[in-house]
Amino acid sequence: MKLGAFEELVLLAVGSLGDEAYGVAIKETLQQKIGKNPSIGALHSALYRLEDKGCVTSEEGGATTERGGRRKKFYKLTAYGITMLEEANQLRMEFARQVPGLNLSTE
């Protein structure tokens, strides 16, 4: 199963946020990292697809007064989600190595 480009970015954001990966935090992380402002609807659609694919799991947090009694839905990477990110990274690196003159050093 393949990941779409946006799904891959969402998965990376979920992984980087750890235990604080919920809708608004994921959206803000994506804004900071890619400089674009994805709609909350597009984000939730991607999260639902990732959950259906087995890349993330979700869990409802406790209701808070600051959220009007609503609960946050927290997301976590699964082992399969990590595998999918590793495969996507490997594919990108294979393509990048084929680009003449592209410097791949991290130093």
PDB file of N, CA and C in Angstrom:
ATOM      1  N   MET A   1       0.849  -1.175   0.000  1.00  0.00           N
ATOM      2  CA  MET A   1       0.000   0.000   0.000  1.00  0.00           C
ATOM      3  C   MET A   1       0.897   1.241   0.000  1.00  0.00           C
ATOM      4  N   LYS A   2       0.552   2.217  -0.790  1.00  0.00           N
ATOM      5  CA  LYS A   2       1.344   3.435  -0.911  1.00  0.00           C
ATOM      6  C   LYS A   2       0.693   4.577  -0.147  1.00  0.00           C
ATOM      7  N   LEU A   3       1.531   5.545   0.205  1.00  0.00           N
ATOM      8  CA  LEU A   3       1.057   6.762   0.848  1.00  0.00           C
ATOM      9  C   LEU A   3       1.034   7.894  -0.160  1.00  0.00           C
ATOM     10  N   GLY A   4       0.025   8.750  -0.073  1.00  0.00           N
ATOM     11  CA  GLY A   4       0.030   9.978  -0.839  1.00  0.00           C
ATOM     12  C   GLY A   4       1.009  10.949  -0.194  1.00  0.00           C
ATOM     13  N   ALA A   5       1.413  11.976  -0.925  1.00  0.00           N
ATOM     14  CA  ALA A   5       2.385  12.944  -0.408  1.00  0.00           C
ATOM     15  C   ALA A   5       1.872  13.626   0.864  1.00  0.00           C
ATOM     16  N   PHE A   6       0.596  14.038   0.870  1.00  0.00           N
ATOM     17  CA  PHE A   6       0.042  14.697   2.049  1.00  0.00           C
ATOM     18  C   PHE A   6      -0.070  13.714   3.208  1.00  0.00           C
ATOM     19  N   GLU A   7      -0.463  12.483   2.919  1.00  0.00           N
ATOM     20  CA  GLU A   7      -0.542  11.460   3.972  1.00  0.00           C
ATOM     21  C   GLU A   7       0.829  11.249   4.610  1.00  0.00           C
ATOM     22  N   GLU A   8       1.861  11.237   3.780  1.00  0.00           N
ATOM     23  CA  GLU A   8       3.216  11.055   4.302  1.00  0.00           C
ATOM     24  C   GLU A   8       3.585  12.198   5.247  1.00  0.00           C
ATOM     25  N   LEU A   9       3.267  13.429   4.857  1.00  0.00           N
ATOM     26  CA  LEU A   9       3.555  14.578   5.719  1.00  0.00           C
ATOM     27  C   LEU A   9       2.769  14.506   7.026  1.00  0.00           C
ATOM     28  N   VAL A  10       1.507  14.114   6.949  1.00  0.00           N
ATOM     29  CA  VAL A  10       0.685  13.983   8.155  1.00  0.00           C
ATOM     30  C   VAL A  10       1.267  12.906   9.063  1.00  0.00           C
ATOM     31  N   LEU A  11       1.680  11.801   8.495  1.00  0.00           N
ATOM     32  CA  LEU A  11       2.271  10.711   9.270  1.00  0.00           C
ATOM     33  C   LEU A  11       3.558  11.173   9.959  1.00  0.00           C
ATOM     34  N   LEU A  12       4.380  11.933   9.248  1.00  0.00           N
ATOM     35  CA  LEU A  12       5.601  12.482   9.843  1.00  0.00           C
ATOM     36  C   LEU A  12       5.272  13.429  10.997  1.00  0.00           C
ATOM     37  N   ALA A  13       4.243  14.249  10.822  1.00  0.00           N
ATOM     38  CA  ALA A  13       3.838  15.168  11.888  1.00  0.00           C
ATOM     39  C   ALA A  13       3.343  14.400  13.109  1.00  0.00           C
ATOM     40  N   VAL A  14       2.539  13.367  12.892  1.00  0.00           N
ATOM     41  CA  VAL A  14       2.047  12.544  14.007  1.00  0.00           C
ATOM     42  C   VAL A  14       3.232  11.948  14.767  1.00  0.00           C
ATOM     43  N   GLY A  15       4.182  11.392  14.041  1.00  0.00           N
ATOM     44  CA  GLY A  15       5.349  10.790  14.684  1.00  0.00           C
ATOM     45  C   GLY A  15       6.180  11.799  15.444  1.00  0.00           C
ATOM     46  N   SER A  16       6.347  12.990  14.881  1.00  0.00           N
ATOM     47  CA  SER A  16       7.190  13.996  15.532  1.00  0.00           C
ATOM     48  C   SER A  16       6.538  14.574  16.784  1.00  0.00           C
ATOM     49  N   LEU A  17       5.212  14.554  16.854  1.00  0.00           N
ATOM     50  CA  LEU A  17       4.501  15.109  18.007  1.00  0.00           C
ATOM     51  C   LEU A  17       4.370  14.125  19.163  1.00  0.00           C
ATOM     52  N   GLY A  18       4.586  12.858  18.916  1.00  0.00           N
ATOM     53  CA  GLY A  18       4.495  11.866  19.989  1.00  0.00           C
ATOM     54  C   GLY A  18       3.119  11.850  20.631  1.00  0.00           C
ATOM     55  N   ASP A  19       3.083  11.992  21.957  1.00  0.00           N
ATOM     56  CA  ASP A  19       1.822  11.907  22.702  1.00  0.00           C
ATOM     57  C   ASP A  19       0.922  13.125  22.527  1.00  0.00           C
ATOM     58  N   GLU A  20       1.400  14.165  21.866  1.00  0.00           N
ATOM     59  CA  GLU A  20       0.615  15.387  21.674  1.00  0.00           C
ATOM     60  C   GLU A  20       0.057  15.516  20.261  1.00  0.00           C
ATOM     61  N   ALA A  21      -0.075  14.403  19.552  1.00  0.00           N
ATOM     62  CA  ALA A  21      -0.539  14.428  18.159  1.00  0.00           C
ATOM     63  C   ALA A  21      -2.062  14.420  18.099  1.00  0.00           C
ATOM     64  N   TYR A  22      -2.647  15.595  18.036  1.00  0.00           N
ATOM     65  CA  TYR A  22      -4.090  15.741  17.824  1.00  0.00           C
ATOM     66  C   TYR A  22      -4.286  16.772  16.721  1.00  0.00           C
ATOM     67  N   GLY A  23      -5.494  16.906  16.216  1.00  0.00           N
ATOM     68  CA  GLY A  23      -5.789  17.696  15.031  1.00  0.00           C
ATOM     69  C   GLY A  23      -5.090  19.040  14.916  1.00  0.00           C
ATOM     70  N   VAL A  24      -5.330  19.936  15.875  1.00  0.00           N
ATOM     71  CA  VAL A  24      -4.783  21.291  15.787  1.00  0.00           C
ATOM     72  C   VAL A  24      -3.257  21.272  15.867  1.00  0.00           C
ATOM     73  N   ALA A  25      -2.691  20.444  16.735  1.00  0.00           N
ATOM     74  CA  ALA A  25      -1.231  20.366  16.855  1.00  0.00           C
ATOM     75  C   ALA A  25      -0.605  19.847  15.562  1.00  0.00           C
ATOM     76  N   ILE A  26      -1.243  18.870  14.937  1.00  0.00           N
ATOM     77  CA  ILE A  26      -0.741  18.337  13.660  1.00  0.00           C
ATOM     78  C   ILE A  26      -0.806  19.428  12.596  1.00  0.00           C
ATOM     79  N   LYS A  27      -1.914  20.150  12.544  1.00  0.00           N
ATOM     80  CA  LYS A  27      -2.100  21.235  11.573  1.00  0.00           C
ATOM     81  C   LYS A  27      -1.026  22.305  11.761  1.00  0.00           C
ATOM     82  N   GLU A  28      -0.772  22.710  13.006  1.00  0.00           N
ATOM     83  CA  GLU A  28       0.238  23.734  13.287  1.00  0.00           C
ATOM     84  C   GLU A  28       1.636  23.253  12.915  1.00  0.00           C
ATOM     85  N   THR A  29       1.932  21.990  13.175  1.00  0.00           N
ATOM     86  CA  THR A  29       3.234  21.427  12.809  1.00  0.00           C
ATOM     87  C   THR A  29       3.416  21.456  11.299  1.00  0.00           C
ATOM     88  N   LEU A  30       2.383  21.081  10.566  1.00  0.00           N
ATOM     89  CA  LEU A  30       2.463  21.122   9.106  1.00  0.00           C
ATOM     90  C   LEU A  30       2.658  22.554   8.614  1.00  0.00           C
ATOM     91  N   GLN A  31       1.968  23.513   9.227  1.00  0.00           N
ATOM     92  CA  GLN A  31       2.134  24.917   8.847  1.00  0.00           C
ATOM     93  C   GLN A  31       3.588  25.349   9.039  1.00  0.00           C
ATOM     94  N   GLN A  32       4.175  24.988  10.166  1.00  0.00           N
ATOM     95  CA  GLN A  32       5.554  25.378  10.463  1.00  0.00           C
ATOM     96  C   GLN A  32       6.544  24.714   9.520  1.00  0.00           C
ATOM     97  N   LYS A  33       6.344  23.449   9.228  1.00  0.00           N
ATOM     98  CA  LYS A  33       7.326  22.684   8.453  1.00  0.00           C
ATOM     99  C   LYS A  33       7.221  22.889   6.951  1.00  0.00           C
ATOM    100  N   ILE A  34       6.005  23.009   6.420  1.00  0.00           N
ATOM    101  CA  ILE A  34       5.872  23.108   4.961  1.00  0.00           C
ATOM    102  C   ILE A  34       5.406  24.485   4.500  1.00  0.00           C
ATOM    103  N   GLY A  35       5.077  25.356   5.457  1.00  0.00           N
ATOM    104  CA  GLY A  35       4.700  26.717   5.104  1.00  0.00           C
ATOM    105  C   GLY A  35       3.356  26.842   4.413  1.00  0.00           C
ATOM    106  N   LYS A  36       2.520  25.846   4.564  1.00  0.00           N
ATOM    107  CA  LYS A  36       1.170  25.893   3.989  1.00  0.00           C
ATOM    108  C   LYS A  36       0.167  25.633   5.099  1.00  0.00           C
ATOM    109  N   ASN A  37      -1.053  26.074   4.855  1.00  0.00           N
ATOM    110  CA  ASN A  37      -2.093  25.959   5.867  1.00  0.00           C
ATOM    111  C   ASN A  37      -3.174  24.987   5.401  1.00  0.00           C
ATOM    112  N   PRO A  38      -2.991  23.688   5.673  1.00  0.00           N
ATOM    113  CA  PRO A  38      -4.006  22.721   5.233  1.00  0.00           C
ATOM    114  C   PRO A  38      -5.308  22.935   5.997  1.00  0.00           C
ATOM    115  N   SER A  39      -6.413  22.711   5.329  1.00  0.00           N
ATOM    116  CA  SER A  39      -7.699  22.842   6.023  1.00  0.00           C
ATOM    117  C   SER A  39      -7.837  21.706   7.026  1.00  0.00           C
ATOM    118  N   ILE A  40      -8.590  21.969   8.077  1.00  0.00           N
ATOM    119  CA  ILE A  40      -8.799  20.937   9.093  1.00  0.00           C
ATOM    120  C   ILE A  40      -9.562  19.760   8.492  1.00  0.00           C
ATOM    121  N   GLY A  41     -10.420  20.025   7.505  1.00  0.00           N
ATOM    122  CA  GLY A  41     -11.154  18.949   6.830  1.00  0.00           C
ATOM    123  C   GLY A  41     -10.229  18.026   6.054  1.00  0.00           C
ATOM    124  N   ALA A  42      -9.278  18.623   5.316  1.00  0.00           N
ATOM    125  CA  ALA A  42      -8.308  17.816   4.563  1.00  0.00           C
ATOM    126  C   ALA A  42      -7.445  17.004   5.514  1.00  0.00           C
ATOM    127  N   LEU A  43      -7.079  17.618   6.638  1.00  0.00           N
ATOM    128  CA  LEU A  43      -6.259  16.922   7.629  1.00  0.00           C
ATOM    129  C   LEU A  43      -7.014  15.732   8.214  1.00  0.00           C
ATOM    130  N   HIS A  44      -8.260  15.950   8.615  1.00  0.00           N
ATOM    131  CA  HIS A  44      -9.036  14.852   9.201  1.00  0.00           C
ATOM    132  C   HIS A  44      -9.293  13.746   8.180  1.00  0.00           C
ATOM    133  N   SER A  45      -9.520  14.107   6.932  1.00  0.00           N
ATOM    134  CA  SER A  45      -9.696  13.086   5.887  1.00  0.00           C
ATOM    135  C   SER A  45      -8.445  12.228   5.762  1.00  0.00           C
ATOM    136  N   ALA A  46      -7.280  12.872   5.774  1.00  0.00           N
ATOM    137  CA  ALA A  46      -6.018  12.129   5.688  1.00  0.00           C
ATOM    138  C   ALA A  46      -5.835  11.239   6.913  1.00  0.00           C
ATOM    139  N   LEU A  47      -6.166  11.750   8.089  1.00  0.00           N
ATOM    140  CA  LEU A  47      -6.031  10.950   9.312  1.00  0.00           C
ATOM    141  C   LEU A  47      -6.958   9.735   9.279  1.00  0.00           C
ATOM    142  N   TYR A  48      -8.176   9.910   8.788  1.00  0.00           N
ATOM    143  CA  TYR A  48      -9.104   8.773   8.678  1.00  0.00           C
ATOM    144  C   TYR A  48      -8.562   7.729   7.703  1.00  0.00           C
ATOM    145  N   ARG A  49      -8.011   8.190   6.571  1.00  0.00           N
ATOM    146  CA  ARG A  49      -7.431   7.251   5.600  1.00  0.00           C
ATOM    147  C   ARG A  49      -6.247   6.510   6.217  1.00  0.00           C
ATOM    148  N   LEU A  50      -5.410   7.232   6.941  1.00  0.00           N
ATOM    149  CA  LEU A  50      -4.244   6.606   7.568  1.00  0.00           C
ATOM    150  C   LEU A  50      -4.668   5.592   8.627  1.00  0.00           C
ATOM    151  N   GLU A  51      -5.743   5.891   9.327  1.00  0.00           N
ATOM    152  CA  GLU A  51      -6.253   4.933  10.314  1.00  0.00           C
ATOM    153  C   GLU A  51      -6.810   3.697   9.605  1.00  0.00           C
ATOM    154  N   ASP A  52      -7.532   3.907   8.504  1.00  0.00           N
ATOM    155  CA  ASP A  52      -8.063   2.777   7.725  1.00  0.00           C
ATOM    156  C   ASP A  52      -6.944   1.906   7.160  1.00  0.00           C
ATOM    157  N   LYS A  53      -5.829   2.519   6.785  1.00  0.00           N
ATOM    158  CA  LYS A  53      -4.686   1.786   6.235  1.00  0.00           C
ATOM    159  C   LYS A  53      -3.867   1.094   7.323  1.00  0.00           C
ATOM    160  N   GLY A  54      -4.142   1.414   8.588  1.00  0.00           N
ATOM    161  CA  GLY A  54      -3.405   0.799   9.690  1.00  0.00           C
ATOM    162  C   GLY A  54      -2.120   1.514  10.044  1.00  0.00           C
ATOM    163  N   CYS A  55      -1.954   2.747   9.573  1.00  0.00           N
ATOM    164  CA  CYS A  55      -0.724   3.506   9.830  1.00  0.00           C
ATOM    165  C   CYS A  55      -0.755   4.251  11.160  1.00  0.00           C
ATOM    166  N   VAL A  56      -1.958   4.581  11.636  1.00  0.00           N
ATOM    167  CA  VAL A  56      -2.119   5.260  12.920  1.00  0.00           C
ATOM    168  C   VAL A  56      -3.281   4.630  13.674  1.00  0.00           C
ATOM    169  N   THR A  57      -3.258   4.827  14.974  1.00  0.00           N
ATOM    170  CA  THR A  57      -4.408   4.502  15.812  1.00  0.00           C
ATOM    171  C   THR A  57      -4.855   5.804  16.462  1.00  0.00           C
ATOM    172  N   SER A  58      -6.080   5.833  16.947  1.00  0.00           N
ATOM    173  CA  SER A  58      -6.571   7.036  17.616  1.00  0.00           C
ATOM    174  C   SER A  58      -7.204   6.663  18.945  1.00  0.00           C
ATOM    175  N   GLU A  59      -7.204   7.657  19.823  1.00  0.00           N
ATOM    176  CA  GLU A  59      -7.783   7.475  21.152  1.00  0.00           C
ATOM    177  C   GLU A  59      -8.353   8.810  21.605  1.00  0.00           C
ATOM    178  N   GLU A  60      -9.542   8.774  22.169  1.00  0.00           N
ATOM    179  CA  GLU A  60     -10.170   9.993  22.675  1.00  0.00           C
ATOM    180  C   GLU A  60      -9.535  10.381  24.001  1.00  0.00           C
ATOM    181  N   GLY A  61      -9.198  11.660  24.134  1.00  0.00           N
ATOM    182  CA  GLY A  61      -8.709  12.186  25.400  1.00  0.00           C
ATOM    183  C   GLY A  61      -9.886  12.614  26.259  1.00  0.00           C
ATOM    184  N   GLY A  62      -9.590  13.128  27.428  1.00  0.00           N
ATOM    185  CA  GLY A  62     -10.645  13.585  28.320  1.00  0.00           C
ATOM    186  C   GLY A  62     -11.248  14.898  27.853  1.00  0.00           C
ATOM    187  N   ALA A  63     -12.502  15.122  28.205  1.00  0.00           N
ATOM    188  CA  ALA A  63     -13.175  16.380  27.872  1.00  0.00           C
ATOM    189  C   ALA A  63     -12.607  17.494  28.744  1.00  0.00           C
ATOM    190  N   THR A  64     -12.480  18.681  28.158  1.00  0.00           N
ATOM    191  CA  THR A  64     -11.955  19.823  28.911  1.00  0.00           C
ATOM    192  C   THR A  64     -12.916  20.997  28.794  1.00  0.00           C
ATOM    193  N   THR A  65     -12.930  21.847  29.825  1.00  0.00           N
ATOM    194  CA  THR A  65     -13.792  23.030  29.796  1.00  0.00           C
ATOM    195  C   THR A  65     -13.318  24.014  28.736  1.00  0.00           C
ATOM    196  N   GLU A  66     -12.008  24.094  28.514  1.00  0.00           N
ATOM    197  CA  GLU A  66     -11.490  25.025  27.502  1.00  0.00           C
ATOM    198  C   GLU A  66     -11.940  24.651  26.096  1.00  0.00           C
ATOM    199  N   ARG A  67     -12.326  23.408  25.890  1.00  0.00           N
ATOM    200  CA  ARG A  67     -12.828  22.960  24.580  1.00  0.00           C
ATOM    201  C   ARG A  67     -14.351  22.812  24.608  1.00  0.00           C
ATOM    202  N   GLY A  68     -14.987  23.432  25.586  1.00  0.00           N
ATOM    203  CA  GLY A  68     -16.448  23.362  25.662  1.00  0.00           C
ATOM    204  C   GLY A  68     -16.959  21.967  25.962  1.00  0.00           C
ATOM    205  N   GLY A  69     -16.169  21.177  26.680  1.00  0.00           N
ATOM    206  CA  GLY A  69     -16.568  19.820  27.033  1.00  0.00           C
ATOM    207  C   GLY A  69     -16.267  18.787  25.966  1.00  0.00           C
ATOM    208  N   ARG A  70     -15.677  19.242  24.848  1.00  0.00           N
ATOM    209  CA  ARG A  70     -15.343  18.296  23.774  1.00  0.00           C
ATOM    210  C   ARG A  70     -14.014  17.607  24.075  1.00  0.00           C
ATOM    211  N   ARG A  71     -13.862  16.435  23.489  1.00  0.00           N
ATOM    212  CA  ARG A  71     -12.643  15.648  23.678  1.00  0.00           C
ATOM    213  C   ARG A  71     -11.690  15.862  22.508  1.00  0.00           C
ATOM    214  N   LYS A  72     -10.398  15.748  22.789  1.00  0.00           N
ATOM    215  CA  LYS A  72      -9.395  15.726  21.727  1.00  0.00           C
ATOM    216  C   LYS A  72      -9.219  14.284  21.283  1.00  0.00           C
ATOM    217  N   LYS A  73      -8.968  14.104  20.004  1.00  0.00           N
ATOM    218  CA  LYS A  73      -8.671  12.780  19.478  1.00  0.00           C
ATOM    219  C   LYS A  73      -7.168  12.741  19.210  1.00  0.00           C
ATOM    220  N   PHE A  74      -6.468  11.872  19.926  1.00  0.00           N
ATOM    221  CA  PHE A  74      -5.019  11.751  19.805  1.00  0.00           C
ATOM    222  C   PHE A  74      -4.666  10.602  18.869  1.00  0.00           C
ATOM    223  N   TYR A  75      -3.622  10.808  18.080  1.00  0.00           N
ATOM    224  CA  TYR A  75      -3.180   9.811  17.100  1.00  0.00           C
ATOM    225  C   TYR A  75      -1.782   9.329  17.443  1.00  0.00           C
ATOM    226  N   LYS A  76      -1.524   8.057  17.143  1.00  0.00           N
ATOM    227  CA  LYS A  76      -0.198   7.458  17.343  1.00  0.00           C
ATOM    228  C   LYS A  76       0.179   6.648  16.122  1.00  0.00           C
ATOM    229  N   LEU A  77       1.470   6.692  15.794  1.00  0.00           N
ATOM    230  CA  LEU A  77       1.993   5.850  14.717  1.00  0.00           C
ATOM    231  C   LEU A  77       1.932   4.394  15.137  1.00  0.00           C
ATOM    232  N   THR A  78       1.620   3.534  14.201  1.00  0.00           N
ATOM    233  CA  THR A  78       1.699   2.091  14.437  1.00  0.00           C
ATOM    234  C   THR A  78       3.030   1.596  13.868  1.00  0.00           C
ATOM    235  N   ALA A  79       3.358   0.361  14.148  1.00  0.00           N
ATOM    236  CA  ALA A  79       4.563  -0.236  13.559  1.00  0.00           C
ATOM    237  C   ALA A  79       4.455  -0.216  12.038  1.00  0.00           C
ATOM    238  N   TYR A  80       3.253  -0.451  11.523  1.00  0.00           N
ATOM    239  CA  TYR A  80       3.046  -0.419  10.075  1.00  0.00           C
ATOM    240  C   TYR A  80       3.253   0.996   9.531  1.00  0.00           C
ATOM    241  N   GLY A  81       2.807   1.997  10.272  1.00  0.00           N
ATOM    242  CA  GLY A  81       3.012   3.385   9.866  1.00  0.00           C
ATOM    243  C   GLY A  81       4.485   3.728   9.772  1.00  0.00           C
ATOM    244  N   ILE A  82       5.262   3.249  10.730  1.00  0.00           N
ATOM    245  CA  ILE A  82       6.712   3.472  10.699  1.00  0.00           C
ATOM    246  C   ILE A  82       7.315   2.777   9.485  1.00  0.00           C
ATOM    247  N   THR A  83       6.885   1.552   9.220  1.00  0.00           N
ATOM    248  CA  THR A  83       7.370   0.823   8.039  1.00  0.00           C
ATOM    249  C   THR A  83       7.043   1.586   6.762  1.00  0.00           C
ATOM    250  N   MET A  84       5.838   2.126   6.672  1.00  0.00           N
ATOM    251  CA  MET A  84       5.449   2.888   5.483  1.00  0.00           C
ATOM    252  C   MET A  84       6.322   4.127   5.306  1.00  0.00           C
ATOM    253  N   LEU A  85       6.656   4.810   6.403  1.00  0.00           N
ATOM    254  CA  LEU A  85       7.536   5.979   6.315  1.00  0.00           C
ATOM    255  C   LEU A  85       8.940   5.570   5.886  1.00  0.00           C
ATOM    256  N   GLU A  86       9.420   4.448   6.414  1.00  0.00           N
ATOM    257  CA  GLU A  86      10.745   3.960   6.013  1.00  0.00           C
ATOM    258  C   GLU A  86      10.777   3.628   4.526  1.00  0.00           C
ATOM    259  N   GLU A  87       9.732   2.986   4.034  1.00  0.00           N
ATOM    260  CA  GLU A  87       9.671   2.637   2.612  1.00  0.00           C
ATOM    261  C   GLU A  87       9.587   3.888   1.738  1.00  0.00           C
ATOM    262  N   ALA A  88       8.811   4.873   2.166  1.00  0.00           N
ATOM    263  CA  ALA A  88       8.696   6.124   1.405  1.00  0.00           C
ATOM    264  C   ALA A  88      10.039   6.844   1.365  1.00  0.00           C
ATOM    265  N   ASN A  89      10.748   6.857   2.487  1.00  0.00           N
ATOM    266  CA  ASN A  89      12.064   7.493   2.540  1.00  0.00           C
ATOM    267  C   ASN A  89      13.056   6.763   1.640  1.00  0.00           C
ATOM    268  N   GLN A  90      13.026   5.451   1.666  1.00  0.00           N
ATOM    269  CA  GLN A  90      13.928   4.659   0.826  1.00  0.00           C
ATOM    270  C   GLN A  90      13.673   4.948  -0.655  1.00  0.00           C
ATOM    271  N   LEU A  91      12.417   5.021  -1.050  1.00  0.00           N
ATOM    272  CA  LEU A  91      12.074   5.317  -2.438  1.00  0.00           C
ATOM    273  C   LEU A  91      12.573   6.706  -2.837  1.00  0.00           C
ATOM    274  N   ARG A  92      12.374   7.690  -1.973  1.00  0.00           N
ATOM    275  CA  ARG A  92      12.857   9.046  -2.259  1.00  0.00           C
ATOM    276  C   ARG A  92      14.371   9.067  -2.421  1.00  0.00           C
ATOM    277  N   MET A  93      15.067   8.366  -1.543  1.00  0.00           N
ATOM    278  CA  MET A  93      16.534   8.340  -1.611  1.00  0.00           C
ATOM    279  C   MET A  93      17.009   7.652  -2.886  1.00  0.00           C
ATOM    280  N   GLU A  94      16.343   6.579  -3.290  1.00  0.00           N
ATOM    281  CA  GLU A  94      16.712   5.892  -4.537  1.00  0.00           C
ATOM    282  C   GLU A  94      16.569   6.828  -5.728  1.00  0.00           C
ATOM    283  N   PHE A  95      15.476   7.575  -5.768  1.00  0.00           N
ATOM    284  CA  PHE A  95      15.288   8.542  -6.852  1.00  0.00           C
ATOM    285  C   PHE A  95      16.335   9.645  -6.777  1.00  0.00           C
ATOM    286  N   ALA A  96      16.568  10.161  -5.586  1.00  0.00           N
ATOM    287  CA  ALA A  96      17.499  11.278  -5.419  1.00  0.00           C
ATOM    288  C   ALA A  96      18.912  10.896  -5.853  1.00  0.00           C
ATOM    289  N   ARG A  97      19.327   9.671  -5.573  1.00  0.00           N
ATOM    290  CA  ARG A  97      20.674   9.227  -5.967  1.00  0.00           C
ATOM    291  C   ARG A  97      20.838   9.189  -7.483  1.00  0.00           C
ATOM    292  N   GLN A  98      19.754   9.151  -8.206  1.00  0.00           N
ATOM    293  CA  GLN A  98      19.803   9.102  -9.667  1.00  0.00           C
ATOM    294  C   GLN A  98      19.833  10.494 -10.305  1.00  0.00           C
ATOM    295  N   VAL A  99      19.747  11.535  -9.490  1.00  0.00           N
ATOM    296  CA  VAL A  99      19.757  12.900 -10.019  1.00  0.00           C
ATOM    297  C   VAL A  99      21.199  13.391 -10.078  1.00  0.00           C
ATOM    298  N   PRO A 100      21.731  13.592 -11.287  1.00  0.00           N
ATOM    299  CA  PRO A 100      23.111  14.054 -11.426  1.00  0.00           C
ATOM    300  C   PRO A 100      23.307  15.411 -10.741  1.00  0.00           C
ATOM    301  N   GLY A 101      24.394  15.516  -9.991  1.00  0.00           N
ATOM    302  CA  GLY A 101      24.748  16.780  -9.356  1.00  0.00           C
ATOM    303  C   GLY A 101      24.029  17.080  -8.058  1.00  0.00           C
ATOM    304  N   LEU A 102      23.124  16.216  -7.629  1.00  0.00           N
ATOM    305  CA  LEU A 102      22.400  16.455  -6.381  1.00  0.00           C
ATOM    306  C   LEU A 102      23.268  16.020  -5.212  1.00  0.00           C
ATOM    307  N   ASN A 103      23.544  16.950  -4.302  1.00  0.00           N
ATOM    308  CA  ASN A 103      24.372  16.667  -3.132  1.00  0.00           C
ATOM    309  C   ASN A 103      23.473  16.142  -2.018  1.00  0.00           C
ATOM    310  N   LEU A 104      23.666  14.897  -1.628  1.00  0.00           N
ATOM    311  CA  LEU A 104      22.838  14.276  -0.594  1.00  0.00           C
ATOM    312  C   LEU A 104      23.509  14.240   0.773  1.00  0.00           C
ATOM    313  N   SER A 105      24.678  14.863   0.904  1.00  0.00           N
ATOM    314  CA  SER A 105      25.363  14.826   2.200  1.00  0.00           C
ATOM    315  C   SER A 105      24.575  15.649   3.207  1.00  0.00           C
ATOM    316  N   THR A 106      24.618  15.231   4.450  1.00  0.00           N
ATOM    317  CA  THR A 106      23.883  15.918   5.512  1.00  0.00           C
ATOM    318  C   THR A 106      24.794  16.823   6.325  1.00  0.00           C
ATOM    319  N   GLU A 107      26.011  16.959   5.922  1.00  0.00           N
ATOM    320  CA  GLU A 107      26.959  17.800   6.673  1.00  0.00           C
ATOM    321  C   GLU A 107      26.965  19.208   6.172  1.00  0.00           C
TER     322      GLU A 107
END
